[in-house]
Amino acid sequence: MTPNNLTMPHALQPYWDLALAAVRADALRIALDWKLFNLLRVPGSALTVARQLQLDPINTGHWLDTLWSMALLTRDDCQPPRYCNTAVANQYLCADAADYCGDAWGFRLHSLRHFGCQLGDQVRTGQPSGQAVGAATMIDNWTAAARLQIAQEQRVVTVDVALRLMNLLPEFQAARRMLDLGGGPGLVAIALAQNNPLLRGEVFDFAQTVDVAAGNIRQAGLEQRLVVRGGDLACDSIGEGYDLIWCSSVLHFVPDMAATLAKIHAALNPGGVLVSAHAEIPSDPERAGRVMPYYLSMQMQGRQVTSVGGMQAALHQAGFVDIDSYPDVAFAVAPVSVLVARRSGR
């Protein structure tokens, strides 16, 4: 090794970083649990924080330095140093902030760690350890998440992505009826209706879940333009006569992709548009590495996670035409592939 190479990271460094990431995640986890970022909207020392939270002052300083190294806190040159939130912490991690996303982040951390603990069993036996979750429990869990964690992610991530995509879609302002398919809390449908005053539509999800969407629609004052439809996408009607269907991270869970896409195609008016936002596995290992850690659990459950190009081929097979592709769209947790597919105008 020459002197010029002394600072070059070892080939093992990316894998050491995996272990180090666990410590950073726990540093953020306890910061959210203890509502640290509410305290550090104004500068404070480690001693001040320790007194307010009843912590050891020396180790509190080390913990705050870790959060500073993660770009969540600033640190001044005073002695002792004072810490203060960065902009991202103020906007997304203060518990009373309008864009608070801490519950959603903790939800993802918990579910990924739970899956990671079962990974060996799933690889060895094809089944997770412990009791399998039944359909009713799965729906209850999704409904609870739609009320809190998924609502946070839709509010701070998905709505913005959806609106920016609609700016690229010539058909959006002319659309008069839309469907938010598997819409959970319904915040995307609400945002689209607010952006297009002539748009009416429905939010489709499980019967329990659409109660959450209905409450959000009432709160937004859009009951005259948006309604909800409860059901199971695999076997129930989703309505018809739509000019626009938004479908995000839903098709992973259907038992029959071809049948579901045929149902969606039939629900559109001639010339209608489906906007599909779903993860696909890239062929390039670096890009795949951004997607697979999150979607590995779905793959091992036999969910529909296609390789790049698979969804577009399925849409063509279902009769969709003029498909526009937006790969690697930034989304919550991992990027997705957005496909804008149209039903023929004839």
Protein backbone atom coordinates (compact mmCIF):
# COMPACT_ATOMS: atom_id res chain seq x y z
CA MET A 1 0.00 0.00 0.00
CA THR A 2 1.40 3.38 -0.99
CA PRO A 3 0.98 6.47 1.21
CA ASN A 4 -1.59 7.82 -1.25
CA ASN A 5 -3.84 4.86 -0.42
CA LEU A 6 -3.79 5.21 3.37
CA THR A 7 -7.26 6.81 3.50
CA MET A 8 -8.91 4.50 0.99
CA PRO A 9 -11.67 2.51 2.72
CA HIS A 10 -11.14 -1.20 3.07
CA ALA A 11 -13.19 -3.49 0.82
CA LEU A 12 -15.07 -4.62 3.95
CA GLN A 13 -16.13 -1.09 4.92
CA PRO A 14 -19.61 -1.29 3.29
CA TYR A 15 -20.36 -4.36 5.40
CA TRP A 16 -19.00 -2.81 8.60
CA ASP A 17 -21.29 0.12 7.79
CA LEU A 18 -24.25 -2.27 7.96
CA ALA A 19 -23.43 -3.04 11.59
CA LEU A 20 -22.82 0.62 12.39
CA ALA A 21 -26.20 1.58 10.93
CA ALA A 22 -27.90 -0.33 13.76
CA VAL A 23 -26.34 2.03 16.31
CA ARG A 24 -27.42 5.11 14.36
CA ALA A 25 -30.95 3.74 14.08
CA ASP A 26 -31.16 3.24 17.84
CA ALA A 27 -29.74 6.71 18.49
CA LEU A 28 -32.63 8.12 16.43
CA ARG A 29 -35.16 5.71 17.92
CA ILE A 30 -34.58 6.86 21.50
CA ALA A 31 -34.49 10.50 20.36
CA LEU A 32 -38.01 10.04 18.98
CA ASP A 33 -39.19 8.05 21.99
CA TRP A 34 -37.94 10.76 24.35
CA LYS A 35 -39.10 13.66 22.12
CA LEU A 36 -35.60 15.11 22.09
CA PHE A 37 -36.22 17.21 18.99
CA ASN A 38 -39.06 19.06 20.71
CA LEU A 39 -36.50 20.25 23.27
CA LEU A 40 -33.79 21.24 20.80
CA ARG A 41 -35.78 23.67 18.70
CA VAL A 42 -33.69 26.12 20.75
CA PRO A 43 -29.99 25.51 21.48
CA GLY A 44 -29.19 23.51 24.58
CA SER A 45 -26.19 21.82 26.14
CA ALA A 46 -25.88 18.15 26.98
CA LEU A 47 -26.30 19.06 30.65
CA THR A 48 -29.53 20.92 29.93
CA VAL A 49 -30.90 17.98 27.95
CA ALA A 50 -29.81 15.50 30.61
CA ARG A 51 -31.58 17.48 33.35
CA GLN A 52 -34.80 17.78 31.33
CA LEU A 53 -34.89 14.09 30.43
CA GLN A 54 -33.27 12.75 33.63
CA LEU A 55 -30.26 11.24 31.85
CA ASP A 56 -26.56 10.79 32.53
CA PRO A 57 -24.98 14.08 31.35
CA ILE A 58 -21.72 12.62 30.00
CA ASN A 59 -23.36 9.89 27.95
CA THR A 60 -26.01 12.35 26.84
CA GLY A 61 -23.21 14.38 25.26
CA HIS A 62 -21.95 11.33 23.38
CA TRP A 63 -25.47 10.56 22.18
CA LEU A 64 -26.01 14.13 20.98
CA ASP A 65 -22.67 14.02 19.16
CA THR A 66 -23.87 10.90 17.36
CA LEU A 67 -27.03 12.70 16.23
CA TRP A 68 -24.87 15.65 15.18
CA SER A 69 -22.79 13.25 13.04
CA MET A 70 -26.05 12.09 11.43
CA ALA A 71 -26.91 15.68 10.37
CA LEU A 72 -29.91 15.76 12.72
CA LEU A 73 -28.37 18.29 15.11
CA THR A 74 -26.03 21.25 14.74
CA ARG A 75 -23.26 21.85 17.30
CA ASP A 76 -21.68 25.22 18.04
CA ASP A 77 -18.15 26.04 19.19
CA CYS A 78 -19.08 27.03 22.74
CA GLN A 79 -17.68 25.18 25.73
CA PRO A 80 -19.64 23.16 26.56
CA PRO A 81 -21.17 22.95 23.08
CA ARG A 82 -24.83 23.66 22.49
CA TYR A 83 -26.94 21.53 20.16
CA CYS A 84 -29.91 22.50 18.03
CA ASN A 85 -32.14 20.78 15.47
CA THR A 86 -31.26 20.86 11.81
CA ALA A 87 -34.01 21.83 9.36
CA VAL A 88 -34.93 18.21 8.62
CA ALA A 89 -35.32 17.43 12.34
CA ASN A 90 -37.51 20.50 12.85
CA GLN A 91 -39.75 19.65 9.91
CA TYR A 92 -40.13 15.88 10.24
CA LEU A 93 -39.04 14.74 13.71
CA CYS A 94 -40.62 17.17 16.18
CA ALA A 95 -43.67 15.36 17.53
CA ASP A 96 -45.99 18.36 17.13
CA ALA A 97 -44.75 19.41 13.66
CA ALA A 98 -47.28 19.40 10.81
CA ASP A 99 -45.02 17.09 8.78
CA TYR A 100 -44.04 14.80 11.66
CA CYS A 101 -43.01 11.39 10.34
CA GLY A 102 -41.42 9.82 13.40
CA ASP A 103 -44.14 7.22 13.94
CA ALA A 104 -43.86 6.10 10.32
CA TRP A 105 -40.07 5.82 10.63
CA GLY A 106 -40.37 3.76 13.83
CA PHE A 107 -43.00 1.54 12.19
CA ARG A 108 -40.64 0.75 9.31
CA LEU A 109 -37.72 0.12 11.69
CA HIS A 110 -39.77 -2.27 13.81
CA SER A 111 -41.15 -4.24 10.84
CA LEU A 112 -37.74 -4.54 9.14
CA ARG A 113 -36.06 -5.71 12.34
CA HIS A 114 -38.84 -8.21 12.95
CA PHE A 115 -38.38 -9.59 9.44
CA GLY A 116 -34.60 -9.65 9.85
CA CYS A 117 -34.90 -11.78 12.99
CA GLN A 118 -36.95 -14.32 11.00
CA LEU A 119 -34.80 -14.24 7.88
CA GLY A 120 -32.82 -17.39 8.67
CA ASP A 121 -35.96 -19.40 9.32
CA GLN A 122 -37.55 -18.16 6.10
CA VAL A 123 -34.48 -19.08 4.04
CA ARG A 124 -34.18 -22.47 5.75
CA THR A 125 -37.81 -23.57 5.84
CA GLY A 126 -39.68 -21.21 3.55
CA GLN A 127 -41.80 -20.05 6.49
CA PRO A 128 -41.34 -17.34 9.14
CA SER A 129 -40.97 -18.42 12.75
CA GLY A 130 -43.95 -18.01 15.04
CA GLN A 131 -47.65 -17.99 14.24
CA ALA A 132 -48.75 -16.83 10.80
CA VAL A 133 -50.81 -13.65 10.67
CA GLY A 134 -54.36 -14.28 9.49
CA ALA A 135 -56.20 -12.17 6.92
CA ALA A 136 -58.35 -10.43 9.54
CA THR A 137 -55.31 -9.46 11.61
CA MET A 138 -53.51 -8.25 8.51
CA ILE A 139 -56.44 -5.98 7.63
CA ASP A 140 -56.62 -4.69 11.22
CA ASN A 141 -52.89 -3.92 11.16
CA TRP A 142 -53.17 -2.12 7.81
CA THR A 143 -56.13 -0.07 9.07
CA ALA A 144 -54.23 0.97 12.20
CA ALA A 145 -51.21 1.93 10.07
CA ALA A 146 -53.45 3.89 7.68
CA ARG A 147 -54.71 5.91 10.63
CA LEU A 148 -51.23 6.93 11.81
CA GLN A 149 -47.99 5.77 10.16
CA ILE A 150 -49.12 5.45 6.53
CA ALA A 151 -50.97 8.75 6.85
CA GLN A 152 -47.72 10.40 7.91
CA GLU A 153 -45.87 8.96 4.91
CA GLN A 154 -48.63 9.92 2.48
CA ARG A 155 -48.70 13.45 3.87
CA VAL A 156 -44.95 14.10 3.68
CA VAL A 157 -43.89 11.90 0.73
CA THR A 158 -46.57 10.30 -1.44
CA VAL A 159 -48.79 13.35 -1.95
CA ASP A 160 -45.88 15.44 -3.20
CA VAL A 161 -44.76 12.69 -5.62
CA ALA A 162 -48.32 12.23 -6.90
CA LEU A 163 -48.81 15.95 -7.54
CA ARG A 164 -45.48 16.26 -9.35
CA LEU A 165 -46.40 13.28 -11.53
CA MET A 166 -49.76 14.86 -12.34
CA ASN A 167 -47.92 17.96 -13.56
CA LEU A 168 -46.32 15.68 -16.17
CA LEU A 169 -49.64 14.12 -17.17
CA PRO A 170 -51.52 16.02 -19.93
CA GLU A 171 -54.76 14.20 -19.09
CA PHE A 172 -54.89 15.23 -15.42
CA GLN A 173 -56.60 18.62 -15.66
CA ALA A 174 -59.19 17.16 -18.07
CA ALA A 175 -59.95 14.22 -15.75
CA ARG A 176 -63.36 14.34 -14.10
CA ARG A 177 -63.56 11.04 -12.21
CA MET A 178 -60.73 9.28 -10.39
CA LEU A 179 -60.06 6.23 -8.23
CA ASP A 180 -57.47 6.04 -5.46
CA LEU A 181 -57.02 2.26 -5.51
CA GLY A 182 -55.85 0.83 -2.18
CA GLY A 183 -55.68 4.41 -0.97
CA GLY A 184 -55.47 3.77 2.79
CA PRO A 185 -56.03 7.13 4.50
CA GLY A 186 -57.06 8.69 1.19
CA LEU A 187 -54.71 11.65 1.35
CA VAL A 188 -53.63 11.25 -2.29
CA ALA A 189 -57.23 11.42 -3.49
CA ILE A 190 -57.79 14.49 -1.33
CA ALA A 191 -54.70 16.23 -2.73
CA LEU A 192 -55.65 15.44 -6.33
CA ALA A 193 -59.19 16.72 -5.80
CA GLN A 194 -57.85 19.92 -4.25
CA ASN A 195 -55.50 20.37 -7.22
CA ASN A 196 -58.24 19.77 -9.82
CA PRO A 197 -61.49 21.44 -8.67
CA LEU A 198 -63.58 19.53 -11.25
CA LEU A 199 -62.34 16.10 -10.14
CA ARG A 200 -64.62 13.68 -8.30
CA GLY A 201 -63.91 10.14 -7.29
CA GLU A 202 -63.59 7.25 -4.88
CA VAL A 203 -61.10 5.77 -2.46
CA PHE A 204 -61.08 1.95 -2.55
CA ASP A 205 -59.67 -0.17 0.26
CA PHE A 206 -60.76 -2.73 2.83
CA ALA A 207 -64.08 -1.89 4.49
CA GLN A 208 -62.45 -1.05 7.84
CA THR A 209 -59.74 1.02 6.20
CA VAL A 210 -62.00 3.26 4.15
CA ASP A 211 -63.55 4.50 7.39
CA VAL A 212 -60.20 6.18 7.99
CA ALA A 213 -60.29 7.72 4.50
CA ALA A 214 -63.89 8.86 5.02
CA GLY A 215 -62.87 10.73 8.16
CA ASN A 216 -60.05 12.49 6.33
CA ILE A 217 -62.39 13.38 3.46
CA ARG A 218 -64.86 14.94 5.91
CA GLN A 219 -62.07 16.87 7.59
CA ALA A 220 -60.99 18.23 4.18
CA GLY A 221 -64.59 19.26 3.40
CA LEU A 222 -64.72 17.12 0.25
CA GLU A 223 -67.69 14.84 1.02
CA GLN A 224 -69.55 16.16 -2.03
CA ARG A 225 -66.75 15.14 -4.39
CA LEU A 226 -65.07 12.10 -2.84
CA VAL A 227 -66.66 8.91 -1.54
CA VAL A 228 -65.26 5.60 -0.30
CA ARG A 229 -65.81 2.03 -1.47
CA GLY A 230 -64.92 -0.88 0.79
CA GLY A 231 -63.96 -4.28 -0.55
CA ASP A 232 -61.29 -6.76 -1.53
CA LEU A 233 -59.50 -5.93 -4.78
CA ALA A 234 -59.13 -9.63 -5.58
CA CYS A 235 -62.86 -10.33 -5.70
CA ASP A 236 -64.98 -7.16 -5.39
CA SER A 237 -65.99 -4.46 -7.86
CA ILE A 238 -63.89 -1.30 -7.92
CA GLY A 239 -66.44 0.67 -9.93
CA GLU A 240 -66.14 1.93 -13.47
CA GLY A 241 -66.09 5.04 -15.62
CA TYR A 242 -62.84 6.46 -14.26
CA ASP A 243 -60.66 8.89 -16.20
CA LEU A 244 -57.73 8.40 -13.79
CA ILE A 245 -56.68 5.61 -11.42
CA TRP A 246 -53.86 6.10 -8.92
CA CYS A 247 -52.45 2.78 -7.65
CA SER A 248 -49.43 2.84 -5.34
CA SER A 249 -47.80 -0.21 -3.69
CA VAL A 250 -51.03 -2.23 -4.03
CA LEU A 251 -50.39 -4.69 -6.85
CA HIS A 252 -47.65 -6.42 -4.82
CA PHE A 253 -50.43 -8.00 -2.74
CA VAL A 254 -52.90 -9.28 -5.35
CA PRO A 255 -53.08 -13.05 -5.92
CA ASP A 256 -53.62 -12.76 -9.70
CA MET A 257 -51.84 -9.87 -11.39
CA ALA A 258 -53.35 -10.47 -14.83
CA ALA A 259 -56.92 -10.59 -13.50
CA THR A 260 -56.40 -7.47 -11.40
CA LEU A 261 -54.94 -5.47 -14.29
CA ALA A 262 -57.82 -6.59 -16.48
CA LYS A 263 -60.25 -5.30 -13.83
CA ILE A 264 -58.42 -1.97 -13.66
CA HIS A 265 -58.35 -1.68 -17.46
CA ALA A 266 -62.10 -2.31 -17.63
CA ALA A 267 -62.78 0.29 -14.91
CA LEU A 268 -61.21 3.07 -17.01
CA ASN A 269 -63.05 5.09 -19.61
CA PRO A 270 -61.61 4.90 -23.15
CA GLY A 271 -58.55 7.14 -23.07
CA GLY A 272 -58.36 6.81 -19.28
CA VAL A 273 -55.03 6.66 -17.45
CA LEU A 274 -53.58 4.34 -14.81
CA VAL A 275 -50.68 5.70 -12.75
CA SER A 276 -48.92 2.69 -11.21
CA ALA A 277 -46.20 3.26 -8.58
CA HIS A 278 -44.63 -0.06 -7.59
CA ALA A 279 -41.13 -1.26 -6.80
CA GLU A 280 -39.32 -3.47 -9.28
CA ILE A 281 -35.96 -5.19 -8.87
CA PRO A 282 -33.29 -3.62 -11.14
CA SER A 283 -30.70 -5.74 -12.90
CA ASP A 284 -27.89 -3.45 -11.73
CA PRO A 285 -26.66 -4.53 -8.25
CA GLU A 286 -26.18 -0.99 -6.91
CA ARG A 287 -29.72 0.05 -7.88
CA ALA A 288 -31.11 -3.28 -6.70
CA GLY A 289 -29.43 -2.68 -3.35
CA ARG A 290 -31.68 0.33 -2.78
CA VAL A 291 -34.83 -1.75 -3.33
CA MET A 292 -34.28 -5.31 -2.19
CA PRO A 293 -33.73 -4.85 1.58
CA TYR A 294 -37.25 -3.46 1.93
CA TYR A 295 -39.01 -5.74 -0.57
CA LEU A 296 -37.19 -8.95 0.36
CA SER A 297 -39.86 -9.80 2.93
CA MET A 298 -42.57 -9.47 0.28
CA GLN A 299 -40.61 -11.66 -2.12
CA MET A 300 -40.28 -14.35 0.54
CA GLN A 301 -44.04 -14.20 1.16
CA GLY A 302 -44.63 -14.83 -2.53
CA ARG A 303 -45.87 -11.32 -3.23
CA GLN A 304 -45.81 -9.75 -6.68
CA VAL A 305 -42.43 -7.99 -6.90
CA THR A 306 -41.41 -8.00 -10.54
CA SER A 307 -38.03 -7.48 -12.13
CA VAL A 308 -37.61 -4.26 -14.10
CA GLY A 309 -39.81 -4.47 -17.20
CA GLY A 310 -42.14 -7.07 -15.72
CA MET A 311 -44.90 -4.63 -14.79
CA GLN A 312 -44.79 -2.92 -18.18
CA ALA A 313 -45.10 -6.29 -19.92
CA ALA A 314 -48.08 -7.17 -17.71
CA LEU A 315 -49.75 -3.85 -18.52
CA HIS A 316 -49.28 -4.45 -22.26
CA GLN A 317 -50.74 -7.92 -21.86
CA ALA A 318 -53.79 -6.42 -20.12
CA GLY A 319 -54.41 -4.13 -23.09
CA PHE A 320 -52.84 -0.88 -21.91
CA VAL A 321 -51.17 1.32 -24.54
CA ASP A 322 -48.88 4.39 -24.71
CA ILE A 323 -47.03 3.51 -21.49
CA ASP A 324 -44.67 6.17 -20.11
CA SER A 325 -41.97 5.02 -17.69
CA TYR A 326 -40.38 6.91 -14.80
CA PRO A 327 -37.78 4.62 -13.17
CA ASP A 328 -36.24 5.11 -9.72
CA VAL A 329 -38.84 7.59 -8.47
CA ALA A 330 -37.99 8.63 -4.90
CA PHE A 331 -40.62 7.20 -2.53
CA ALA A 332 -40.90 6.35 1.15
CA VAL A 333 -38.17 3.87 2.19
CA ALA A 334 -37.17 2.71 -1.31
CA PRO A 335 -37.53 3.95 -4.91
CA VAL A 336 -40.36 2.77 -7.15
CA SER A 337 -40.97 2.48 -10.86
CA VAL A 338 -43.86 4.66 -12.01
CA LEU A 339 -45.71 3.61 -15.15
CA VAL A 340 -48.37 5.79 -16.75
CA ALA A 341 -50.52 3.45 -18.84
CA ARG A 342 -53.55 4.30 -20.95
CA ARG A 343 -56.66 2.51 -22.13
CA SER A 344 -57.11 2.90 -25.86
CA GLY A 345 -59.44 5.71 -26.86
CA ARG A 346 -61.28 3.49 -29.31
